């Protein structure tokens, strides 16, 4: 059976899965599901909660098997589809990917919660205190990428791209001026080089083109918020 991926291209975790699938020309059916909505076609609708009781996207369906959490999906796909180019057999290299994945949700993901979610996901009801805390974390993340994750390699702890880069890029890359214009990367040369390198990978353009209208909407809304400050 053809794989099914549930979500929306505007979602960073969904886009990570899309990019990896399209990078490898892996056939899949995309099923639109709106995050946070309780009506039919939304992630909080009872029919979708049967697939993921947490009511979040993405969800991968593989012959009746349902899997959620994008990094679990990426790892599962790499193993089942034989994507050794982005998930090497070497246990040490896999462990370095795991280090990043364990870091991601309480660090890199905070960039989206600080800058993207208050505009795109009012249903999450991000408070000013939460946003301030996430902004502080986001600033630290950029410096940690510069000083640690990209300190000696062009990709995250690696000379070649892995699923760690595909996951991280979605949170950071969307903040560039050409997309949502949410952060200035002028002080981070290694991050700028890394962003450019990831953007050369197959699957990047096709997955991001599907979110172009949404990026424009966020960019416009973010500009309006700045002008009102």
Protein backbone atom coordinates (compact mmCIF):
# COMPACT_ATOMS: atom_id res chain seq x y z
CA UNK A 1 0.00 0.00 0.00
CA UNK A 2 1.08 3.58 -0.68
CA UNK A 3 2.21 5.51 2.38
CA UNK A 4 -0.10 8.26 3.62
CA UNK A 5 1.10 11.43 5.30
CA UNK A 6 -1.46 13.52 7.19
CA UNK A 7 -0.93 17.23 7.85
CA UNK A 8 -0.37 20.58 6.16
CA UNK A 9 2.79 21.84 4.39
CA UNK A 10 2.86 24.89 6.68
CA UNK A 11 3.70 22.60 9.60
CA UNK A 12 7.43 22.31 10.18
CA UNK A 13 7.35 18.65 11.28
CA UNK A 14 5.09 17.76 8.35
CA UNK A 15 7.41 19.54 5.93
CA UNK A 16 10.38 17.57 7.27
CA UNK A 17 8.63 14.32 6.37
CA UNK A 18 7.59 15.68 2.97
CA UNK A 19 11.14 16.75 2.16
CA UNK A 20 12.61 13.36 3.09
CA UNK A 21 10.00 11.47 1.07
CA UNK A 22 10.40 13.71 -1.97
CA UNK A 23 14.18 13.61 -1.70
CA UNK A 24 13.98 9.87 -2.33
CA UNK A 25 11.08 9.87 -4.81
CA UNK A 26 9.15 7.71 -2.35
CA UNK A 27 5.50 7.52 -3.43
CA UNK A 28 3.06 8.83 -0.83
CA UNK A 29 -0.43 10.21 -0.59
CA UNK A 30 -0.77 13.55 1.16
CA UNK A 31 -3.95 13.89 3.23
CA UNK A 32 -4.68 17.49 4.37
CA UNK A 33 -5.44 17.78 8.08
CA UNK A 34 -5.67 21.16 9.80
CA UNK A 35 -3.85 21.30 13.15
CA UNK A 36 -5.94 22.18 16.18
CA UNK A 37 -9.34 22.09 14.49
CA UNK A 38 -12.20 19.98 15.86
CA UNK A 39 -14.29 19.94 12.70
CA UNK A 40 -14.01 17.22 10.07
CA UNK A 41 -10.60 17.40 8.45
CA UNK A 42 -9.02 18.74 11.63
CA UNK A 43 -6.49 17.11 13.93
CA UNK A 44 -8.86 17.23 16.93
CA UNK A 45 -11.74 15.53 15.10
CA UNK A 46 -12.65 12.10 16.60
CA UNK A 47 -11.78 10.28 13.37
CA UNK A 48 -8.26 11.70 13.42
CA UNK A 49 -7.83 11.14 17.14
CA UNK A 50 -8.13 7.43 16.37
CA UNK A 51 -4.94 7.80 14.34
CA UNK A 52 -3.13 10.01 16.85
CA UNK A 53 -4.76 10.41 20.28
CA UNK A 54 -2.69 13.55 20.85
CA UNK A 55 -4.42 15.26 17.91
CA UNK A 56 -1.27 16.55 16.23
CA UNK A 57 0.34 16.31 12.81
CA UNK A 58 2.17 14.74 11.10
CA UNK A 59 0.85 11.21 11.14
CA UNK A 60 2.22 8.52 8.86
CA UNK A 61 0.06 5.60 7.81
CA UNK A 62 1.82 2.49 6.54
CA UNK A 63 -0.52 -0.41 5.73
CA UNK A 64 -2.72 0.18 8.77
CA UNK A 65 0.15 1.16 11.07
CA UNK A 66 -0.12 4.73 12.38
CA UNK A 67 2.93 6.63 13.59
CA UNK A 68 3.19 10.18 14.89
CA UNK A 69 6.03 12.51 15.93
CA UNK A 70 8.04 13.63 12.92
CA UNK A 71 11.41 12.41 14.14
CA UNK A 72 9.99 8.94 14.86
CA UNK A 73 8.51 9.02 11.36
CA UNK A 74 11.80 10.10 9.78
CA UNK A 75 13.71 7.35 11.56
CA UNK A 76 11.08 4.74 10.70
CA UNK A 77 11.06 5.74 7.03
CA UNK A 78 14.86 5.75 6.86
CA UNK A 79 14.95 2.22 8.26
CA UNK A 80 12.07 0.77 6.25
CA UNK A 81 12.91 2.54 2.99
CA UNK A 82 16.66 2.03 3.19
CA UNK A 83 17.63 5.69 3.28
CA UNK A 84 21.21 5.06 4.31
CA UNK A 85 22.30 8.34 2.73
CA UNK A 86 20.55 10.34 5.46
CA UNK A 87 20.51 7.69 8.23
CA UNK A 88 23.78 5.73 8.05
CA UNK A 89 24.13 2.18 9.37
CA UNK A 90 26.98 3.26 11.65
CA UNK A 91 25.67 3.20 15.28
CA UNK A 92 27.93 6.10 16.22
CA UNK A 93 26.51 8.29 13.45
CA UNK A 94 22.99 7.27 14.46
CA UNK A 95 23.82 8.21 18.05
CA UNK A 96 24.86 11.70 16.95
CA UNK A 97 21.49 12.07 15.20
CA UNK A 98 19.82 10.93 18.42
CA UNK A 99 21.70 13.61 20.36
CA UNK A 100 20.23 16.27 18.12
CA UNK A 101 16.73 14.75 18.21
CA UNK A 102 16.79 14.75 22.02
CA UNK A 103 17.82 18.42 21.93
CA UNK A 104 15.31 19.51 19.30
CA UNK A 105 11.94 19.79 21.07
CA UNK A 106 13.04 21.84 24.06
CA UNK A 107 15.43 23.97 22.04
CA UNK A 108 15.18 24.38 18.25
CA UNK A 109 11.41 23.86 18.30
CA UNK A 110 11.14 26.89 20.59
CA UNK A 111 11.98 29.11 17.60
CA UNK A 112 8.63 28.21 16.08
CA UNK A 113 6.80 28.59 19.40
CA UNK A 114 8.32 32.04 19.91
CA UNK A 115 8.01 33.55 16.44
CA UNK A 116 5.71 31.45 14.27
CA UNK A 117 3.02 29.98 16.53
CA UNK A 118 1.69 33.29 17.95
CA UNK A 119 0.79 34.30 14.39
CA UNK A 120 -0.12 30.98 12.78
CA UNK A 121 -1.65 29.07 15.71
CA UNK A 122 -3.81 31.35 17.92
CA UNK A 123 -5.52 28.16 19.17
CA UNK A 124 -2.32 27.34 21.09
CA UNK A 125 -2.85 30.51 23.17
CA UNK A 126 0.85 31.19 23.64
CA UNK A 127 1.18 33.67 26.52
CA UNK A 128 3.56 36.64 26.52
CA UNK A 129 5.60 34.91 29.23
CA UNK A 130 5.86 31.72 27.19
CA UNK A 131 6.82 33.71 24.12
CA UNK A 132 9.52 35.60 26.02
CA UNK A 133 10.97 32.36 27.38
CA UNK A 134 10.94 30.78 23.92
CA UNK A 135 12.64 33.84 22.42
CA UNK A 136 15.42 33.55 24.98
CA UNK A 137 15.87 29.88 24.12
CA UNK A 138 15.76 30.65 20.37
CA UNK A 139 18.68 33.07 20.69
CA UNK A 140 20.70 30.47 22.58
CA UNK A 141 19.89 27.85 19.92
CA UNK A 142 21.43 29.91 17.14
CA UNK A 143 24.65 30.32 19.08
CA UNK A 144 24.71 26.62 19.95
CA UNK A 145 24.30 25.70 16.29
CA UNK A 146 27.17 28.03 15.42
CA UNK A 147 29.45 26.84 18.25
CA UNK A 148 28.50 23.18 18.67
CA UNK A 149 26.38 21.46 16.03
CA UNK A 150 28.13 23.08 13.07
CA UNK A 151 31.46 23.76 14.76
CA UNK A 152 33.53 21.34 12.68
CA UNK A 153 31.19 19.99 10.01
CA UNK A 154 28.96 21.52 7.32
CA UNK A 155 25.93 19.59 8.60
CA UNK A 156 24.81 18.67 12.12
CA UNK A 157 27.72 16.63 13.53
CA UNK A 158 28.21 15.27 10.00
CA UNK A 159 30.02 15.84 6.73
CA UNK A 160 26.87 14.81 4.88
CA UNK A 161 23.20 15.69 5.44
CA UNK A 162 21.09 13.50 7.71
CA UNK A 163 17.53 13.43 9.00
CA UNK A 164 18.75 15.71 11.81
CA UNK A 165 19.39 18.48 9.27
CA UNK A 166 16.06 17.92 7.55
CA UNK A 167 14.27 18.25 10.89
CA UNK A 168 16.21 21.26 12.17
CA UNK A 169 16.05 23.17 8.91
CA UNK A 170 12.26 23.44 9.02
CA UNK A 171 12.34 25.42 12.26
CA UNK A 172 15.28 27.66 11.38
CA UNK A 173 15.05 27.98 7.61
CA UNK A 174 11.49 29.31 7.65
CA UNK A 175 12.73 32.36 9.57
CA UNK A 176 14.82 33.65 6.65
CA UNK A 177 13.81 36.87 4.93
CA UNK A 178 12.79 35.02 1.75
CA UNK A 179 10.22 32.99 3.69
CA UNK A 180 8.67 34.46 6.86
CA UNK A 181 11.37 37.04 7.75
CA UNK A 182 11.36 36.31 11.47
CA UNK A 183 15.07 36.31 12.36
CA UNK A 184 18.33 37.96 11.29
CA UNK A 185 21.14 35.46 10.60
CA UNK A 186 23.78 38.08 9.87
CA UNK A 187 25.87 37.13 12.91
CA UNK A 188 25.85 33.40 12.14
CA UNK A 189 27.99 32.54 9.10
CA UNK A 190 28.00 28.79 9.74
CA UNK A 191 24.21 28.71 9.97
CA UNK A 192 23.92 30.71 6.75
CA UNK A 193 26.20 28.24 4.96
CA UNK A 194 24.26 25.30 6.41
CA UNK A 195 20.92 26.76 5.32
CA UNK A 196 22.24 27.23 1.79
CA UNK A 197 23.57 23.65 1.72
CA UNK A 198 20.27 22.13 2.88
CA UNK A 199 18.41 24.17 0.28
CA UNK A 200 20.43 22.45 -2.44
CA UNK A 201 19.10 19.04 -1.43
CA UNK A 202 16.50 17.32 -3.54
CA UNK A 203 13.08 17.61 -1.95
CA UNK A 204 13.66 21.03 -0.45
CA UNK A 205 12.15 23.10 -3.23
CA UNK A 206 9.21 20.80 -3.92
CA UNK A 207 8.22 20.62 -0.25
CA UNK A 208 8.63 24.34 0.36
CA UNK A 209 6.82 25.40 -2.79
CA UNK A 210 3.69 23.82 -1.30
CA UNK A 211 3.87 26.26 1.62
CA UNK A 212 4.63 29.45 -0.35
CA UNK A 213 1.24 31.10 0.19
CA UNK A 214 1.40 30.41 3.90
CA UNK A 215 4.93 31.80 4.19
CA UNK A 216 3.74 35.00 2.51
CA UNK A 217 0.83 35.30 4.93
CA UNK A 218 3.11 34.86 7.96
CA UNK A 219 5.64 37.35 6.58
CA UNK A 220 2.92 39.96 6.07
CA UNK A 221 1.44 39.38 9.53
CA UNK A 222 4.86 39.53 11.18
CA UNK A 223 5.62 42.83 9.43
CA UNK A 224 2.31 44.25 10.65
CA UNK A 225 3.08 43.19 14.23
CA UNK A 226 6.48 44.90 14.07
CA UNK A 227 4.98 48.12 12.74
CA UNK A 228 2.51 48.19 15.64
CA UNK A 229 5.20 47.87 18.29
